[in-house]
Amino acid sequence: MQDNTHNPDDVFGKTISSYTRAQAIADGVLVNVSGLAREVGFRIPVAVTSAVWADCVAWTDADSERQAAQDESGRLWDVLWMGALAAKRARGVQRIAFELHRVPRGGHGTQPRPVVLNLHIGPGDNAEPVITILMSDDD
């Protein structure tokens, strides 16, 4: 019987460096939102990119005074809820696009505007399943 296993180093060469999910969370590139995600119904770790956080979640008291009364936990719940609904509708795929209506931060607008986000299911640092929610133009 022939052994069909391959060492990636044989094909691609020795790994120079790697950037783990844990490092991305520590650096702020990803924001771990697994606690609230469990309340929404996710069973595996969930993180959002810093771009998603800035565009769809971040909110201050000054924003509430200038625009609409909201808070970060409510905005994060909306992101996670819409992501969960999309994931339930599209079982078996790795990347799912979904639309979220949020009040854009900044200025004086109070009307929700749509944004397309992507929910990606893939391997974590130890090949365990994890979810990352990112902007549609993020990789």
C-alpha atoms as a PDB file:
ATOM      1  CA  MET A   1       0.000   0.000   0.000  1.00  0.00           C
ATOM      2  CA  GLN A   2       1.338   3.419  -0.951  1.00  0.00           C
ATOM      3  CA  ASP A   3       1.495   6.268   1.565  1.00  0.00           C
ATOM      4  CA  ASN A   4      -0.201   9.279  -0.043  1.00  0.00           C
ATOM      5  CA  THR A   5       0.568  11.738   2.734  1.00  0.00           C
ATOM      6  CA  HIS A   6       2.655  14.726   1.779  1.00  0.00           C
ATOM      7  CA  ASN A   7       4.678  17.076   3.861  1.00  0.00           C
ATOM      8  CA  PRO A   8       3.777  20.661   2.856  1.00  0.00           C
ATOM      9  CA  ASP A   9       7.436  21.623   3.318  1.00  0.00           C
ATOM     10  CA  ASP A  10       8.327  19.221   0.484  1.00  0.00           C
ATOM     11  CA  VAL A  11       5.980  21.054  -1.876  1.00  0.00           C
ATOM     12  CA  PHE A  12       6.124  24.678  -0.716  1.00  0.00           C
ATOM     13  CA  GLY A  13       9.362  24.854   1.269  1.00  0.00           C
ATOM     14  CA  LYS A  14       9.855  25.634   4.929  1.00  0.00           C
ATOM     15  CA  THR A  15       7.331  27.994   6.527  1.00  0.00           C
ATOM     16  CA  ILE A  16       8.968  31.359   7.140  1.00  0.00           C
ATOM     17  CA  SER A  17       6.316  32.616   9.516  1.00  0.00           C
ATOM     18  CA  SER A  18       2.641  32.219  10.277  1.00  0.00           C
ATOM     19  CA  TYR A  19       0.045  34.490  11.829  1.00  0.00           C
ATOM     20  CA  THR A  20      -2.433  32.696  14.062  1.00  0.00           C
ATOM     21  CA  ARG A  21      -6.005  33.559  14.919  1.00  0.00           C
ATOM     22  CA  ALA A  22      -4.934  33.961  18.553  1.00  0.00           C
ATOM     23  CA  GLN A  23      -2.320  36.516  17.478  1.00  0.00           C
ATOM     24  CA  ALA A  24      -4.893  38.360  15.358  1.00  0.00           C
ATOM     25  CA  ILE A  25      -7.213  38.581  18.379  1.00  0.00           C
ATOM     26  CA  ALA A  26      -4.358  39.744  20.633  1.00  0.00           C
ATOM     27  CA  ASP A  27      -3.362  42.368  18.035  1.00  0.00           C
ATOM     28  CA  GLY A  28      -6.935  43.640  17.585  1.00  0.00           C
ATOM     29  CA  VAL A  29      -7.166  42.551  13.950  1.00  0.00           C
ATOM     30  CA  LEU A  30      -9.981  40.233  15.071  1.00  0.00           C
ATOM     31  CA  VAL A  31     -12.392  40.794  17.961  1.00  0.00           C
ATOM     32  CA  ASN A  32     -13.480  37.673  19.842  1.00  0.00           C
ATOM     33  CA  VAL A  33     -17.272  37.836  20.259  1.00  0.00           C
ATOM     34  CA  SER A  34     -17.815  34.206  21.252  1.00  0.00           C
ATOM     35  CA  GLY A  35     -19.560  35.045  24.541  1.00  0.00           C
ATOM     36  CA  LEU A  36     -22.502  36.877  22.977  1.00  0.00           C
ATOM     37  CA  ALA A  37     -22.384  34.562  19.961  1.00  0.00           C
ATOM     38  CA  ARG A  38     -23.184  31.606  22.248  1.00  0.00           C
ATOM     39  CA  GLU A  39     -26.269  33.487  23.492  1.00  0.00           C
ATOM     40  CA  VAL A  40     -27.363  33.974  19.877  1.00  0.00           C
ATOM     41  CA  GLY A  41     -26.957  30.235  19.218  1.00  0.00           C
ATOM     42  CA  PHE A  42     -23.485  29.729  17.758  1.00  0.00           C
ATOM     43  CA  ARG A  43     -21.755  26.616  19.086  1.00  0.00           C
ATOM     44  CA  ILE A  44     -18.224  27.378  17.899  1.00  0.00           C
ATOM     45  CA  PRO A  45     -15.921  30.382  18.465  1.00  0.00           C
ATOM     46  CA  VAL A  46     -16.845  33.557  16.573  1.00  0.00           C
ATOM     47  CA  ALA A  47     -14.749  36.631  15.833  1.00  0.00           C
ATOM     48  CA  VAL A  48     -15.409  39.745  13.772  1.00  0.00           C
ATOM     49  CA  THR A  49     -12.766  41.712  11.916  1.00  0.00           C
ATOM     50  CA  SER A  50     -11.769  45.119  13.212  1.00  0.00           C
ATOM     51  CA  ALA A  51     -13.379  46.565  10.060  1.00  0.00           C
ATOM     52  CA  VAL A  52     -16.733  44.942  10.924  1.00  0.00           C
ATOM     53  CA  TRP A  53     -16.400  46.189  14.497  1.00  0.00           C
ATOM     54  CA  ALA A  54     -15.669  49.756  13.329  1.00  0.00           C
ATOM     55  CA  ASP A  55     -18.452  49.834  10.720  1.00  0.00           C
ATOM     56  CA  CYS A  56     -21.236  47.814  12.326  1.00  0.00           C
ATOM     57  CA  VAL A  57     -20.634  47.575  16.090  1.00  0.00           C
ATOM     58  CA  ALA A  58     -18.640  50.525  17.468  1.00  0.00           C
ATOM     59  CA  TRP A  59     -20.884  53.151  19.077  1.00  0.00           C
ATOM     60  CA  THR A  60     -20.330  55.787  21.745  1.00  0.00           C
ATOM     61  CA  ASP A  61     -22.549  57.905  23.967  1.00  0.00           C
ATOM     62  CA  ALA A  62     -21.667  60.841  21.712  1.00  0.00           C
ATOM     63  CA  ASP A  63     -22.951  58.858  18.720  1.00  0.00           C
ATOM     64  CA  SER A  64     -26.222  58.235  20.592  1.00  0.00           C
ATOM     65  CA  GLU A  65     -26.607  61.945  21.372  1.00  0.00           C
ATOM     66  CA  ARG A  66     -25.813  63.016  17.806  1.00  0.00           C
ATOM     67  CA  GLN A  67     -27.603  60.255  15.886  1.00  0.00           C
ATOM     68  CA  ALA A  68     -29.722  57.523  17.463  1.00  0.00           C
ATOM     69  CA  ALA A  69     -29.826  55.862  20.872  1.00  0.00           C
ATOM     70  CA  GLN A  70     -27.940  52.591  20.387  1.00  0.00           C
ATOM     71  CA  ASP A  71     -25.181  50.669  22.112  1.00  0.00           C
ATOM     72  CA  GLU A  72     -22.415  48.310  21.062  1.00  0.00           C
ATOM     73  CA  SER A  73     -23.961  45.202  22.599  1.00  0.00           C
ATOM     74  CA  GLY A  74     -27.207  45.769  20.690  1.00  0.00           C
ATOM     75  CA  ARG A  75     -25.380  46.443  17.447  1.00  0.00           C
ATOM     76  CA  LEU A  76     -23.220  43.336  17.951  1.00  0.00           C
ATOM     77  CA  TRP A  77     -26.350  41.279  18.663  1.00  0.00           C
ATOM     78  CA  ASP A  78     -27.774  42.438  15.312  1.00  0.00           C
ATOM     79  CA  VAL A  79     -24.601  41.371  13.457  1.00  0.00           C
ATOM     80  CA  LEU A  80     -24.585  37.970  15.141  1.00  0.00           C
ATOM     81  CA  TRP A  81     -28.332  37.388  14.761  1.00  0.00           C
ATOM     82  CA  MET A  82     -28.292  38.137  11.037  1.00  0.00           C
ATOM     83  CA  GLY A  83     -25.193  35.957  10.650  1.00  0.00           C
ATOM     84  CA  ALA A  84     -26.892  33.098  12.486  1.00  0.00           C
ATOM     85  CA  LEU A  85     -29.977  33.340  10.270  1.00  0.00           C
ATOM     86  CA  ALA A  86     -27.800  33.272   7.153  1.00  0.00           C
ATOM     87  CA  ALA A  87     -25.834  30.274   8.455  1.00  0.00           C
ATOM     88  CA  LYS A  88     -29.037  28.323   9.109  1.00  0.00           C
ATOM     89  CA  ARG A  89     -30.290  28.991   5.581  1.00  0.00           C
ATOM     90  CA  ALA A  90     -27.023  28.003   3.889  1.00  0.00           C
ATOM     91  CA  ARG A  91     -25.800  24.875   5.634  1.00  0.00           C
ATOM     92  CA  GLY A  92     -22.789  23.123   4.194  1.00  0.00           C
ATOM     93  CA  VAL A  93     -20.979  26.110   2.676  1.00  0.00           C
ATOM     94  CA  GLN A  94     -17.849  27.816   3.963  1.00  0.00           C
ATOM     95  CA  ARG A  95     -18.664  31.437   3.110  1.00  0.00           C
ATOM     96  CA  ILE A  96     -22.074  33.034   3.372  1.00  0.00           C
ATOM     97  CA  ALA A  97     -22.963  36.595   2.371  1.00  0.00           C
ATOM     98  CA  PHE A  98     -25.667  38.315   4.390  1.00  0.00           C
ATOM     99  CA  GLU A  99     -27.123  41.799   4.580  1.00  0.00           C
ATOM    100  CA  LEU A 100     -27.275  43.907   7.710  1.00  0.00           C
ATOM    101  CA  HIS A 101     -29.034  47.238   8.085  1.00  0.00           C
ATOM    102  CA  ARG A 102     -27.179  49.462  10.553  1.00  0.00           C
ATOM    103  CA  VAL A 103     -27.057  53.176  11.265  1.00  0.00           C
ATOM    104  CA  PRO A 104     -23.669  54.275   9.906  1.00  0.00           C
ATOM    105  CA  ARG A 105     -21.479  55.886  12.532  1.00  0.00           C
ATOM    106  CA  GLY A 106     -20.522  59.522  12.131  1.00  0.00           C
ATOM    107  CA  GLY A 107     -22.458  62.471  10.854  1.00  0.00           C
ATOM    108  CA  HIS A 108     -26.057  63.005  11.886  1.00  0.00           C
ATOM    109  CA  GLY A 109     -27.855  60.230  10.001  1.00  0.00           C
ATOM    110  CA  THR A 110     -30.460  58.165  11.815  1.00  0.00           C
ATOM    111  CA  GLN A 111     -31.650  55.895   9.015  1.00  0.00           C
ATOM    112  CA  PRO A 112     -30.256  52.364   8.756  1.00  0.00           C
ATOM    113  CA  ARG A 113     -28.223  51.634   5.648  1.00  0.00           C
ATOM    114  CA  PRO A 114     -27.478  48.178   4.236  1.00  0.00           C
ATOM    115  CA  VAL A 115     -24.053  46.579   4.291  1.00  0.00           C
ATOM    116  CA  VAL A 116     -23.095  43.124   3.034  1.00  0.00           C
ATOM    117  CA  LEU A 117     -21.048  41.011   5.427  1.00  0.00           C
ATOM    118  CA  ASN A 118     -19.561  37.557   4.975  1.00  0.00           C
ATOM    119  CA  LEU A 119     -19.609  34.752   7.498  1.00  0.00           C
ATOM    120  CA  HIS A 120     -16.695  32.381   6.946  1.00  0.00           C
ATOM    121  CA  ILE A 121     -16.450  28.960   8.571  1.00  0.00           C
ATOM    122  CA  GLY A 122     -12.952  27.553   8.546  1.00  0.00           C
ATOM    123  CA  PRO A 123     -10.186  26.021  10.621  1.00  0.00           C
ATOM    124  CA  GLY A 124      -8.794  27.686  13.723  1.00  0.00           C
ATOM    125  CA  ASP A 125      -5.240  27.501  15.006  1.00  0.00           C
ATOM    126  CA  ASN A 126      -5.643  23.817  15.902  1.00  0.00           C
ATOM    127  CA  ALA A 127      -7.842  22.890  12.913  1.00  0.00           C
ATOM    128  CA  GLU A 128     -11.004  23.265  15.024  1.00  0.00           C
ATOM    129  CA  PRO A 129     -14.001  24.921  13.321  1.00  0.00           C
ATOM    130  CA  VAL A 130     -14.271  28.682  13.880  1.00  0.00           C
ATOM    131  CA  ILE A 131     -16.353  31.477  12.389  1.00  0.00           C
ATOM    132  CA  THR A 132     -15.112  34.860  11.236  1.00  0.00           C
ATOM    133  CA  ILE A 133     -17.481  37.630  10.180  1.00  0.00           C
ATOM    134  CA  LEU A 134     -15.891  40.068   7.772  1.00  0.00           C
ATOM    135  CA  MET A 135     -16.714  42.879   5.379  1.00  0.00           C
ATOM    136  CA  SER A 136     -17.525  41.736   1.844  1.00  0.00           C
ATOM    137  CA  ASP A 137     -14.238  43.167   0.532  1.00  0.00           C
ATOM    138  CA  ASP A 138     -12.056  41.591   3.275  1.00  0.00           C
ATOM    139  CA  ASP A 139     -10.099  38.382   2.831  1.00  0.00           C
END
